[in-house]
Amino acid sequence: MAFETPEISGNEGEAKYAGTHWELESRKEEGANAAEEIQKRLVEEYGWNEDEVGLFGYAVDEAITNAIVYANWGLKRTNGESNEEFDKHITEKEGDPAETGKKIIVDISVLDDRVEAVVRSEVKTVIDPENIPDPTDPENLKRTSGRGIDTMIKTCDECYFNVPGEVKLVKLRKDNNAVVV
């Protein structure tokens, strides 16, 4: 069962998140906004438990943010680069219409036993989780970035990075007594 397209009241934000296929601009706030919408709809329309969808929403936020920052904007954190320096690069990209115009595609599917989110970046980069620095390593603890992939893997039941520019996240439904509409 997929998300149903709700009635659109004319509010631009509601229209952006209608249906199951979303095209988002490369703006950092898009991750949090989309995650919030997914969580709200899973609870209100599909009867999912709020605790189950909270971490899934967080993983979707991280997937969208990573697609924006590392794929569409092409930022790479260099060794020794301070949090402030990296954040400055992000701020520069957020102010550039050529960068924010690159799209992020999010496709959502809700089935009886799971929810799936596929996040695609316009720029097709390869994600190799094995080559991501361990965010729990003492030298990485104070970094303000570098936890997204680890978060996705630890908060989802399944996480795939097989296709360049694409992340597939799967959350299995634990609350089997809930009714799926």
N, C-alpha and C. Protein backbone atom coordinates (compact mmCIF):
# COMPACT_ATOMS: atom_id res chain seq x y z
N MET A 1 0.85 -1.17 0.00
CA MET A 1 0.00 0.00 0.00
C MET A 1 0.90 1.23 0.00
N ALA A 2 0.63 2.15 -0.86
CA ALA A 2 1.44 3.37 -0.94
C ALA A 2 0.70 4.50 -0.25
N PHE A 3 1.42 5.57 0.04
CA PHE A 3 0.77 6.76 0.58
C PHE A 3 -0.30 7.19 -0.42
N GLU A 4 -1.45 7.52 0.07
CA GLU A 4 -2.50 8.04 -0.79
C GLU A 4 -2.30 9.54 -0.94
N THR A 5 -2.72 10.07 -2.07
CA THR A 5 -2.62 11.51 -2.27
C THR A 5 -3.76 12.18 -1.52
N PRO A 6 -3.44 13.02 -0.53
CA PRO A 6 -4.51 13.67 0.24
C PRO A 6 -5.10 14.84 -0.53
N GLU A 7 -6.24 15.31 -0.06
CA GLU A 7 -6.81 16.53 -0.62
C GLU A 7 -5.81 17.66 -0.40
N ILE A 8 -5.65 18.50 -1.40
CA ILE A 8 -4.71 19.62 -1.30
C ILE A 8 -5.52 20.88 -1.04
N SER A 9 -5.19 21.55 0.05
CA SER A 9 -5.95 22.73 0.43
C SER A 9 -5.37 24.02 -0.15
N GLY A 10 -4.36 23.90 -0.99
CA GLY A 10 -3.76 25.09 -1.55
C GLY A 10 -2.49 25.50 -0.85
N ASN A 11 -2.18 24.88 0.28
CA ASN A 11 -0.95 25.18 1.00
C ASN A 11 0.20 24.56 0.24
N GLU A 12 1.19 25.37 -0.13
CA GLU A 12 2.32 24.89 -0.94
C GLU A 12 3.06 23.75 -0.27
N GLY A 13 3.25 23.81 1.05
CA GLY A 13 3.95 22.75 1.77
C GLY A 13 3.23 21.43 1.68
N GLU A 14 1.90 21.45 1.77
CA GLU A 14 1.12 20.23 1.67
C GLU A 14 1.25 19.62 0.27
N ALA A 15 1.21 20.46 -0.76
CA ALA A 15 1.29 19.97 -2.13
C ALA A 15 2.65 19.31 -2.38
N LYS A 16 3.70 19.86 -1.82
CA LYS A 16 5.05 19.32 -2.03
C LYS A 16 5.13 17.88 -1.55
N TYR A 17 4.40 17.55 -0.46
CA TYR A 17 4.50 16.22 0.13
C TYR A 17 3.27 15.35 -0.16
N ALA A 18 2.54 15.67 -1.22
CA ALA A 18 1.39 14.85 -1.60
C ALA A 18 1.88 13.58 -2.29
N GLY A 19 1.13 12.52 -2.18
CA GLY A 19 1.44 11.30 -2.91
C GLY A 19 2.66 10.56 -2.38
N THR A 20 3.28 9.79 -3.26
CA THR A 20 4.37 8.91 -2.87
C THR A 20 5.71 9.29 -3.51
N HIS A 21 5.69 10.26 -4.40
CA HIS A 21 6.89 10.65 -5.14
C HIS A 21 7.11 12.15 -4.91
N TRP A 22 8.21 12.48 -4.26
CA TRP A 22 8.48 13.88 -3.94
C TRP A 22 9.75 14.35 -4.64
N GLU A 23 9.69 15.54 -5.23
CA GLU A 23 10.87 16.18 -5.82
C GLU A 23 11.18 17.40 -4.96
N LEU A 24 12.33 17.36 -4.30
CA LEU A 24 12.69 18.39 -3.35
C LEU A 24 13.91 19.17 -3.83
N GLU A 25 13.98 20.43 -3.43
CA GLU A 25 15.16 21.23 -3.73
C GLU A 25 16.30 20.83 -2.81
N SER A 26 17.51 21.16 -3.21
CA SER A 26 18.69 20.86 -2.38
C SER A 26 18.87 21.95 -1.33
N ARG A 27 18.02 21.90 -0.34
CA ARG A 27 18.10 22.79 0.83
C ARG A 27 18.10 21.90 2.06
N LYS A 28 18.98 22.21 3.00
CA LYS A 28 19.15 21.32 4.16
C LYS A 28 17.86 21.09 4.94
N GLU A 29 16.98 22.08 5.01
CA GLU A 29 15.75 21.91 5.79
C GLU A 29 14.81 20.88 5.17
N GLU A 30 15.02 20.53 3.90
CA GLU A 30 14.14 19.56 3.24
C GLU A 30 14.15 18.20 3.94
N GLY A 31 15.31 17.78 4.45
CA GLY A 31 15.39 16.49 5.13
C GLY A 31 14.48 16.43 6.34
N ALA A 32 14.57 17.44 7.18
CA ALA A 32 13.74 17.47 8.40
C ALA A 32 12.26 17.59 8.05
N ASN A 33 11.94 18.42 7.06
CA ASN A 33 10.53 18.60 6.67
C ASN A 33 9.93 17.31 6.12
N ALA A 34 10.67 16.63 5.25
CA ALA A 34 10.18 15.37 4.68
C ALA A 34 10.05 14.29 5.75
N ALA A 35 11.03 14.21 6.63
CA ALA A 35 10.99 13.22 7.71
C ALA A 35 9.77 13.45 8.60
N GLU A 36 9.50 14.70 8.92
CA GLU A 36 8.34 15.03 9.76
C GLU A 36 7.04 14.61 9.07
N GLU A 37 6.95 14.85 7.77
CA GLU A 37 5.75 14.48 7.02
C GLU A 37 5.57 12.96 6.99
N ILE A 38 6.66 12.23 6.77
CA ILE A 38 6.58 10.76 6.75
C ILE A 38 6.11 10.25 8.10
N GLN A 39 6.70 10.74 9.18
CA GLN A 39 6.32 10.30 10.52
C GLN A 39 4.85 10.59 10.78
N LYS A 40 4.41 11.79 10.48
CA LYS A 40 3.02 12.19 10.72
C LYS A 40 2.06 11.29 9.95
N ARG A 41 2.34 11.04 8.69
CA ARG A 41 1.43 10.23 7.88
C ARG A 41 1.44 8.77 8.30
N LEU A 42 2.58 8.23 8.68
CA LEU A 42 2.60 6.84 9.13
C LEU A 42 1.76 6.66 10.39
N VAL A 43 1.83 7.60 11.30
CA VAL A 43 1.06 7.51 12.55
C VAL A 43 -0.42 7.78 12.28
N GLU A 44 -0.73 8.89 11.62
CA GLU A 44 -2.12 9.31 11.46
C GLU A 44 -2.90 8.49 10.43
N GLU A 45 -2.26 8.14 9.31
CA GLU A 45 -2.98 7.47 8.24
C GLU A 45 -2.82 5.95 8.24
N TYR A 46 -1.74 5.45 8.84
CA TYR A 46 -1.46 4.03 8.77
C TYR A 46 -1.38 3.35 10.13
N GLY A 47 -1.55 4.11 11.22
CA GLY A 47 -1.61 3.52 12.55
C GLY A 47 -0.30 3.00 13.11
N TRP A 48 0.82 3.48 12.57
CA TRP A 48 2.12 3.06 13.09
C TRP A 48 2.35 3.69 14.45
N ASN A 49 3.14 3.02 15.25
CA ASN A 49 3.53 3.49 16.58
C ASN A 49 4.54 4.64 16.42
N GLU A 50 4.36 5.71 17.17
CA GLU A 50 5.26 6.87 17.08
C GLU A 50 6.72 6.52 17.34
N ASP A 51 6.95 5.59 18.27
CA ASP A 51 8.34 5.20 18.57
C ASP A 51 8.99 4.52 17.36
N GLU A 52 8.22 3.72 16.64
CA GLU A 52 8.75 3.04 15.46
C GLU A 52 9.16 4.01 14.36
N VAL A 53 8.34 5.00 14.14
CA VAL A 53 8.58 5.89 13.01
C VAL A 53 9.57 7.02 13.33
N GLY A 54 9.80 7.28 14.61
CA GLY A 54 10.72 8.36 14.98
C GLY A 54 12.12 8.16 14.44
N LEU A 55 12.68 7.00 14.68
CA LEU A 55 14.04 6.72 14.21
C LEU A 55 14.09 6.58 12.69
N PHE A 56 13.02 6.05 12.09
CA PHE A 56 12.98 5.95 10.64
C PHE A 56 12.99 7.35 10.03
N GLY A 57 12.22 8.24 10.60
CA GLY A 57 12.21 9.63 10.12
C GLY A 57 13.59 10.26 10.22
N TYR A 58 14.27 9.98 11.30
CA TYR A 58 15.63 10.50 11.49
C TYR A 58 16.56 9.97 10.40
N ALA A 59 16.42 8.69 10.06
CA ALA A 59 17.25 8.09 9.00
C ALA A 59 16.94 8.72 7.65
N VAL A 60 15.66 8.98 7.36
CA VAL A 60 15.28 9.63 6.10
C VAL A 60 15.87 11.04 6.05
N ASP A 61 15.80 11.76 7.14
CA ASP A 61 16.40 13.10 7.22
C ASP A 61 17.89 13.03 6.88
N GLU A 62 18.59 12.07 7.46
CA GLU A 62 20.02 11.91 7.20
C GLU A 62 20.28 11.55 5.74
N ALA A 63 19.46 10.68 5.16
CA ALA A 63 19.65 10.28 3.76
C ALA A 63 19.47 11.48 2.83
N ILE A 64 18.45 12.29 3.09
CA ILE A 64 18.21 13.48 2.26
C ILE A 64 19.33 14.49 2.44
N THR A 65 19.72 14.74 3.68
CA THR A 65 20.79 15.69 3.94
C THR A 65 22.10 15.24 3.30
N ASN A 66 22.43 13.96 3.41
CA ASN A 66 23.65 13.45 2.77
C ASN A 66 23.57 13.58 1.25
N ALA A 67 22.40 13.29 0.67
CA ALA A 67 22.24 13.42 -0.78
C ALA A 67 22.46 14.86 -1.22
N ILE A 68 22.01 15.79 -0.43
CA ILE A 68 22.19 17.21 -0.75
C ILE A 68 23.65 17.61 -0.60
N VAL A 69 24.21 17.42 0.59
CA VAL A 69 25.54 17.95 0.92
C VAL A 69 26.65 17.23 0.16
N TYR A 70 26.63 15.90 0.16
CA TYR A 70 27.76 15.16 -0.39
C TYR A 70 27.60 14.80 -1.86
N ALA A 71 26.36 14.61 -2.34
CA ALA A 71 26.16 14.26 -3.75
C ALA A 71 25.89 15.52 -4.58
N ASN A 72 24.73 16.14 -4.37
CA ASN A 72 24.37 17.28 -5.21
C ASN A 72 25.33 18.45 -5.07
N TRP A 73 25.78 18.74 -3.86
CA TRP A 73 26.69 19.87 -3.68
C TRP A 73 28.16 19.46 -3.80
N GLY A 74 28.44 18.17 -3.77
CA GLY A 74 29.80 17.68 -3.97
C GLY A 74 30.79 18.02 -2.87
N LEU A 75 30.30 18.30 -1.68
CA LEU A 75 31.22 18.63 -0.59
C LEU A 75 31.88 17.38 -0.04
N LYS A 76 33.13 17.49 0.27
CA LYS A 76 33.89 16.42 0.91
C LYS A 76 34.67 17.04 2.06
N ARG A 77 34.54 16.47 3.21
CA ARG A 77 35.28 16.98 4.36
C ARG A 77 36.70 16.48 4.30
N THR A 78 37.66 17.39 4.39
CA THR A 78 39.06 17.00 4.33
C THR A 78 39.60 16.78 5.74
N ASN A 79 40.65 15.98 5.83
CA ASN A 79 41.28 15.75 7.13
C ASN A 79 41.76 17.07 7.71
N GLY A 80 41.48 17.28 8.94
CA GLY A 80 41.93 18.49 9.62
C GLY A 80 41.02 19.69 9.42
N GLU A 81 40.01 19.57 8.56
CA GLU A 81 39.10 20.70 8.34
C GLU A 81 38.22 20.87 9.59
N SER A 82 38.16 22.09 10.08
CA SER A 82 37.38 22.35 11.30
C SER A 82 35.89 22.33 10.99
N ASN A 83 35.09 22.18 12.05
CA ASN A 83 33.63 22.24 11.91
C ASN A 83 33.22 23.56 11.28
N GLU A 84 33.84 24.63 11.71
CA GLU A 84 33.50 25.96 11.21
C GLU A 84 33.79 26.08 9.72
N GLU A 85 34.92 25.54 9.28
CA GLU A 85 35.28 25.59 7.86
C GLU A 85 34.28 24.80 7.02
N PHE A 86 33.94 23.61 7.48
CA PHE A 86 32.99 22.79 6.73
C PHE A 86 31.62 23.45 6.70
N ASP A 87 31.18 23.97 7.83
CA ASP A 87 29.89 24.65 7.90
C ASP A 87 29.85 25.87 6.98
N LYS A 88 30.98 26.54 6.81
CA LYS A 88 31.06 27.70 5.91
C LYS A 88 30.79 27.26 4.47
N HIS A 89 31.34 26.11 4.07
CA HIS A 89 31.09 25.60 2.72
C HIS A 89 29.61 25.30 2.52
N ILE A 90 28.97 24.74 3.53
CA ILE A 90 27.54 24.44 3.46
C ILE A 90 26.74 25.72 3.29
N THR A 91 27.07 26.74 4.07
CA THR A 91 26.37 28.02 3.99
C THR A 91 26.51 28.64 2.61
N GLU A 92 27.69 28.54 2.03
CA GLU A 92 27.92 29.07 0.68
C GLU A 92 27.03 28.35 -0.34
N LYS A 93 26.92 27.03 -0.23
CA LYS A 93 26.10 26.26 -1.17
C LYS A 93 24.62 26.59 -0.99
N GLU A 94 24.17 26.79 0.27
CA GLU A 94 22.77 27.10 0.53
C GLU A 94 22.35 28.41 -0.10
N GLY A 95 23.30 29.30 -0.29
CA GLY A 95 23.00 30.61 -0.87
C GLY A 95 23.14 30.66 -2.38
N ASP A 96 23.46 29.55 -3.02
CA ASP A 96 23.71 29.52 -4.46
C ASP A 96 22.54 28.83 -5.17
N PRO A 97 21.72 29.60 -5.93
CA PRO A 97 20.56 29.00 -6.61
C PRO A 97 20.93 27.85 -7.55
N ALA A 98 22.12 27.88 -8.14
CA ALA A 98 22.54 26.78 -9.01
C ALA A 98 22.69 25.48 -8.22
N GLU A 99 23.06 25.60 -6.97
CA GLU A 99 23.21 24.41 -6.11
C GLU A 99 21.88 23.96 -5.52
N THR A 100 21.08 24.91 -5.03
CA THR A 100 19.81 24.54 -4.40
C THR A 100 18.79 24.05 -5.41
N GLY A 101 18.99 24.37 -6.69
CA GLY A 101 18.08 23.92 -7.74
C GLY A 101 18.23 22.46 -8.10
N LYS A 102 19.32 21.82 -7.69
CA LYS A 102 19.50 20.39 -7.97
C LYS A 102 18.49 19.60 -7.14
N LYS A 103 17.85 18.64 -7.74
CA LYS A 103 16.74 17.93 -7.10
C LYS A 103 17.17 16.70 -6.30
N ILE A 104 16.36 16.43 -5.29
CA ILE A 104 16.40 15.19 -4.52
C ILE A 104 15.04 14.53 -4.75
N ILE A 105 15.05 13.27 -5.10
CA ILE A 105 13.81 12.52 -5.32
C ILE A 105 13.61 11.56 -4.15
N VAL A 106 12.41 11.56 -3.58
CA VAL A 106 12.07 10.65 -2.49
C VAL A 106 10.83 9.88 -2.91
N ASP A 107 10.94 8.55 -2.88
CA ASP A 107 9.79 7.68 -3.17
C ASP A 107 9.49 6.87 -1.92
N ILE A 108 8.22 6.86 -1.52
CA ILE A 108 7.78 6.20 -0.30
C ILE A 108 6.81 5.07 -0.64
N SER A 109 6.98 3.93 0.01
CA SER A 109 6.03 2.82 -0.11
C SER A 109 5.71 2.33 1.29
N VAL A 110 4.42 2.16 1.57
CA VAL A 110 3.99 1.59 2.84
C VAL A 110 3.28 0.27 2.54
N LEU A 111 3.84 -0.80 3.08
CA LEU A 111 3.27 -2.13 2.91
C LEU A 111 2.74 -2.60 4.26
N ASP A 112 2.08 -3.75 4.30
CA ASP A 112 1.52 -4.23 5.56
C ASP A 112 2.58 -4.37 6.65
N ASP A 113 3.79 -4.80 6.27
CA ASP A 113 4.79 -5.10 7.28
C ASP A 113 6.00 -4.18 7.28
N ARG A 114 5.99 -3.14 6.44
CA ARG A 114 7.18 -2.29 6.33
C ARG A 114 6.85 -0.96 5.66
N VAL A 115 7.78 -0.03 5.85
CA VAL A 115 7.78 1.21 5.08
C VAL A 115 9.15 1.30 4.41
N GLU A 116 9.16 1.74 3.17
CA GLU A 116 10.40 1.88 2.43
C GLU A 116 10.50 3.30 1.91
N ALA A 117 11.70 3.86 1.97
CA ALA A 117 11.97 5.18 1.40
C ALA A 117 13.20 5.05 0.52
N VAL A 118 13.08 5.50 -0.70
CA VAL A 118 14.23 5.54 -1.61
C VAL A 118 14.53 7.00 -1.86
N VAL A 119 15.77 7.40 -1.56
CA VAL A 119 16.22 8.78 -1.72
C VAL A 119 17.26 8.79 -2.82
N ARG A 120 17.02 9.63 -3.84
CA ARG A 120 17.94 9.72 -4.98
C ARG A 120 18.44 11.15 -5.13
N SER A 121 19.73 11.29 -5.38
CA SER A 121 20.30 12.60 -5.66
C SER A 121 20.41 12.79 -7.16
N GLU A 122 20.41 14.04 -7.60
CA GLU A 122 20.58 14.34 -9.02
C GLU A 122 21.97 13.94 -9.48
N VAL A 123 22.96 14.14 -8.62
CA VAL A 123 24.34 13.77 -8.92
C VAL A 123 24.55 12.34 -8.43
N LYS A 124 24.98 11.45 -9.31
CA LYS A 124 25.07 10.02 -9.02
C LYS A 124 26.43 9.66 -8.42
N THR A 125 26.56 9.80 -7.12
CA THR A 125 27.80 9.44 -6.44
C THR A 125 27.68 8.04 -5.84
N VAL A 126 28.80 7.40 -5.64
CA VAL A 126 28.84 6.07 -5.05
C VAL A 126 29.05 6.22 -3.54
N ILE A 127 28.21 5.55 -2.77
CA ILE A 127 28.34 5.56 -1.30
C ILE A 127 28.91 4.22 -0.88
N ASP A 128 30.04 4.25 -0.21
CA ASP A 128 30.66 3.03 0.29
C ASP A 128 30.76 3.13 1.81
N PRO A 129 29.81 2.55 2.53
CA PRO A 129 29.80 2.65 3.99
C PRO A 129 31.09 2.15 4.65
N GLU A 130 31.78 1.24 3.98
CA GLU A 130 33.03 0.70 4.55
C GLU A 130 34.14 1.74 4.60
N ASN A 131 34.05 2.78 3.78
CA ASN A 131 35.09 3.81 3.74
C ASN A 131 34.71 5.10 4.46
N ILE A 132 33.65 5.05 5.24
CA ILE A 132 33.22 6.20 6.02
C ILE A 132 33.92 6.11 7.38
N PRO A 133 34.57 7.20 7.83
CA PRO A 133 35.23 7.15 9.15
C PRO A 133 34.23 6.81 10.27
N ASP A 134 34.67 6.03 11.22
CA ASP A 134 33.85 5.63 12.36
C ASP A 134 33.53 6.85 13.21
N PRO A 135 32.24 7.24 13.31
CA PRO A 135 31.90 8.43 14.09
C PRO A 135 32.10 8.26 15.60
N THR A 136 32.27 7.00 16.04
CA THR A 136 32.48 6.77 17.47
C THR A 136 33.96 6.76 17.83
N ASP A 137 34.83 6.86 16.84
CA ASP A 137 36.26 6.95 17.09
C ASP A 137 36.53 8.26 17.84
N PRO A 138 37.32 8.23 18.91
CA PRO A 138 37.56 9.43 19.72
C PRO A 138 37.97 10.67 18.92
N GLU A 139 38.72 10.48 17.83
CA GLU A 139 39.14 11.65 17.05
C GLU A 139 37.99 12.24 16.22
N ASN A 140 36.87 11.53 16.10
CA ASN A 140 35.72 12.02 15.32
C ASN A 140 34.55 12.48 16.19
N LEU A 141 34.66 12.35 17.48
CA LEU A 141 33.53 12.65 18.36
C LEU A 141 33.08 14.11 18.33
N LYS A 142 33.98 15.03 18.10
CA LYS A 142 33.62 16.45 18.11
C LYS A 142 33.25 16.99 16.73
N ARG A 143 33.31 16.13 15.71
CA ARG A 143 32.95 16.58 14.37
C ARG A 143 31.44 16.80 14.29
N THR A 144 31.04 17.82 13.54
CA THR A 144 29.61 18.10 13.39
C THR A 144 29.00 17.36 12.21
N SER A 145 29.80 16.58 11.51
CA SER A 145 29.28 15.79 10.38
C SER A 145 29.91 14.40 10.43
N GLY A 146 29.40 13.52 9.58
CA GLY A 146 29.99 12.19 9.49
C GLY A 146 29.26 11.10 10.23
N ARG A 147 28.02 11.36 10.65
CA ARG A 147 27.27 10.35 11.39
C ARG A 147 26.07 9.81 10.61
N GLY A 148 25.78 10.37 9.45
CA GLY A 148 24.57 10.03 8.71
C GLY A 148 24.48 8.58 8.29
N ILE A 149 25.52 8.05 7.66
CA ILE A 149 25.49 6.66 7.19
C ILE A 149 25.34 5.71 8.37
N ASP A 150 26.12 5.95 9.43
CA ASP A 150 26.05 5.12 10.63
C ASP A 150 24.64 5.17 11.23
N THR A 151 24.04 6.35 11.26
CA THR A 151 22.68 6.51 11.78
C THR A 151 21.68 5.72 10.95
N MET A 152 21.79 5.82 9.63
CA MET A 152 20.86 5.09 8.76
C MET A 152 20.95 3.58 8.99
N ILE A 153 22.17 3.09 9.06
CA ILE A 153 22.38 1.64 9.23
C ILE A 153 21.85 1.17 10.59
N LYS A 154 22.06 1.96 11.63
CA LYS A 154 21.67 1.54 12.98
C LYS A 154 20.19 1.74 13.29
N THR A 155 19.49 2.62 12.55
CA THR A 155 18.09 2.89 12.88
C THR A 155 17.10 2.22 11.92
N CYS A 156 17.60 1.63 10.85
CA CYS A 156 16.73 0.94 9.90
C CYS A 156 16.97 -0.56 9.97
N ASP A 157 15.95 -1.31 9.58
CA ASP A 157 16.10 -2.76 9.54
C ASP A 157 16.90 -3.20 8.32
N GLU A 158 16.79 -2.45 7.25
CA GLU A 158 17.56 -2.72 6.04
C GLU A 158 17.98 -1.37 5.46
N CYS A 159 19.19 -1.33 4.92
CA CYS A 159 19.73 -0.10 4.35
C CYS A 159 20.61 -0.48 3.16
N TYR A 160 20.28 0.03 1.98
CA TYR A 160 21.00 -0.35 0.77
C TYR A 160 21.65 0.87 0.11
N PHE A 161 22.89 0.69 -0.33
CA PHE A 161 23.64 1.74 -1.02
C PHE A 161 24.13 1.19 -2.36
N ASN A 162 23.38 0.30 -3.01
CA ASN A 162 23.83 -0.44 -4.18
C ASN A 162 23.89 0.39 -5.46
N VAL A 163 23.00 1.35 -5.61
CA VAL A 163 22.88 2.12 -6.84
C VAL A 163 23.51 3.50 -6.62
N PRO A 164 24.42 3.93 -7.53
CA PRO A 164 25.02 5.27 -7.36
C PRO A 164 23.94 6.35 -7.27
N GLY A 165 24.09 7.22 -6.27
CA GLY A 165 23.16 8.31 -6.07
C GLY A 165 21.86 7.92 -5.41
N GLU A 166 21.79 6.70 -4.83
CA GLU A 166 20.54 6.22 -4.26
C GLU A 166 20.77 5.51 -2.93
N VAL A 167 19.87 5.76 -1.99
CA VAL A 167 19.85 5.06 -0.71
C VAL A 167 18.43 4.52 -0.52
N LYS A 168 18.33 3.23 -0.16
CA LYS A 168 17.02 2.64 0.14
C LYS A 168 17.01 2.27 1.61
N LEU A 169 16.01 2.80 2.32
CA LEU A 169 15.85 2.55 3.75
C LEU A 169 14.57 1.75 3.97
N VAL A 170 14.63 0.74 4.83
CA VAL A 170 13.47 -0.10 5.12
C VAL A 170 13.31 -0.20 6.62
N LYS A 171 12.09 0.05 7.09
CA LYS A 171 11.75 -0.12 8.50
C LYS A 171 10.63 -1.14 8.58
N LEU A 172 10.89 -2.25 9.28
CA LEU A 172 9.87 -3.29 9.45
C LEU A 172 8.92 -2.88 10.56
N ARG A 173 7.67 -3.25 10.39
CA ARG A 173 6.64 -2.92 11.38
C ARG A 173 6.72 -3.91 12.53
N LYS A 174 6.94 -3.40 13.73
CA LYS A 174 7.04 -4.26 14.92
C LYS A 174 5.67 -4.42 15.59
N ASP A 175 4.84 -3.39 15.48
CA ASP A 175 3.53 -3.38 16.12
C ASP A 175 2.54 -4.08 15.20
N ASN A 176 2.47 -5.41 15.29
CA ASN A 176 1.62 -6.18 14.38
C ASN A 176 0.13 -6.05 14.68
N ASN A 177 -0.23 -5.43 15.81
CA ASN A 177 -1.65 -5.26 16.14
C ASN A 177 -2.24 -4.02 15.52
N ALA A 178 -1.41 -3.16 14.95
CA ALA A 178 -1.91 -1.93 14.37
C ALA A 178 -2.66 -2.24 13.07
N VAL A 179 -3.61 -1.41 12.76
CA VAL A 179 -4.42 -1.59 11.56
C VAL A 179 -3.81 -0.75 10.45
N VAL A 180 -3.60 -1.37 9.29
CA VAL A 180 -3.14 -0.63 8.13
C VAL A 180 -4.36 -0.25 7.31
N VAL A 181 -4.53 1.02 7.06
CA VAL A 181 -5.71 1.53 6.35
C VAL A 181 -5.56 1.29 4.87
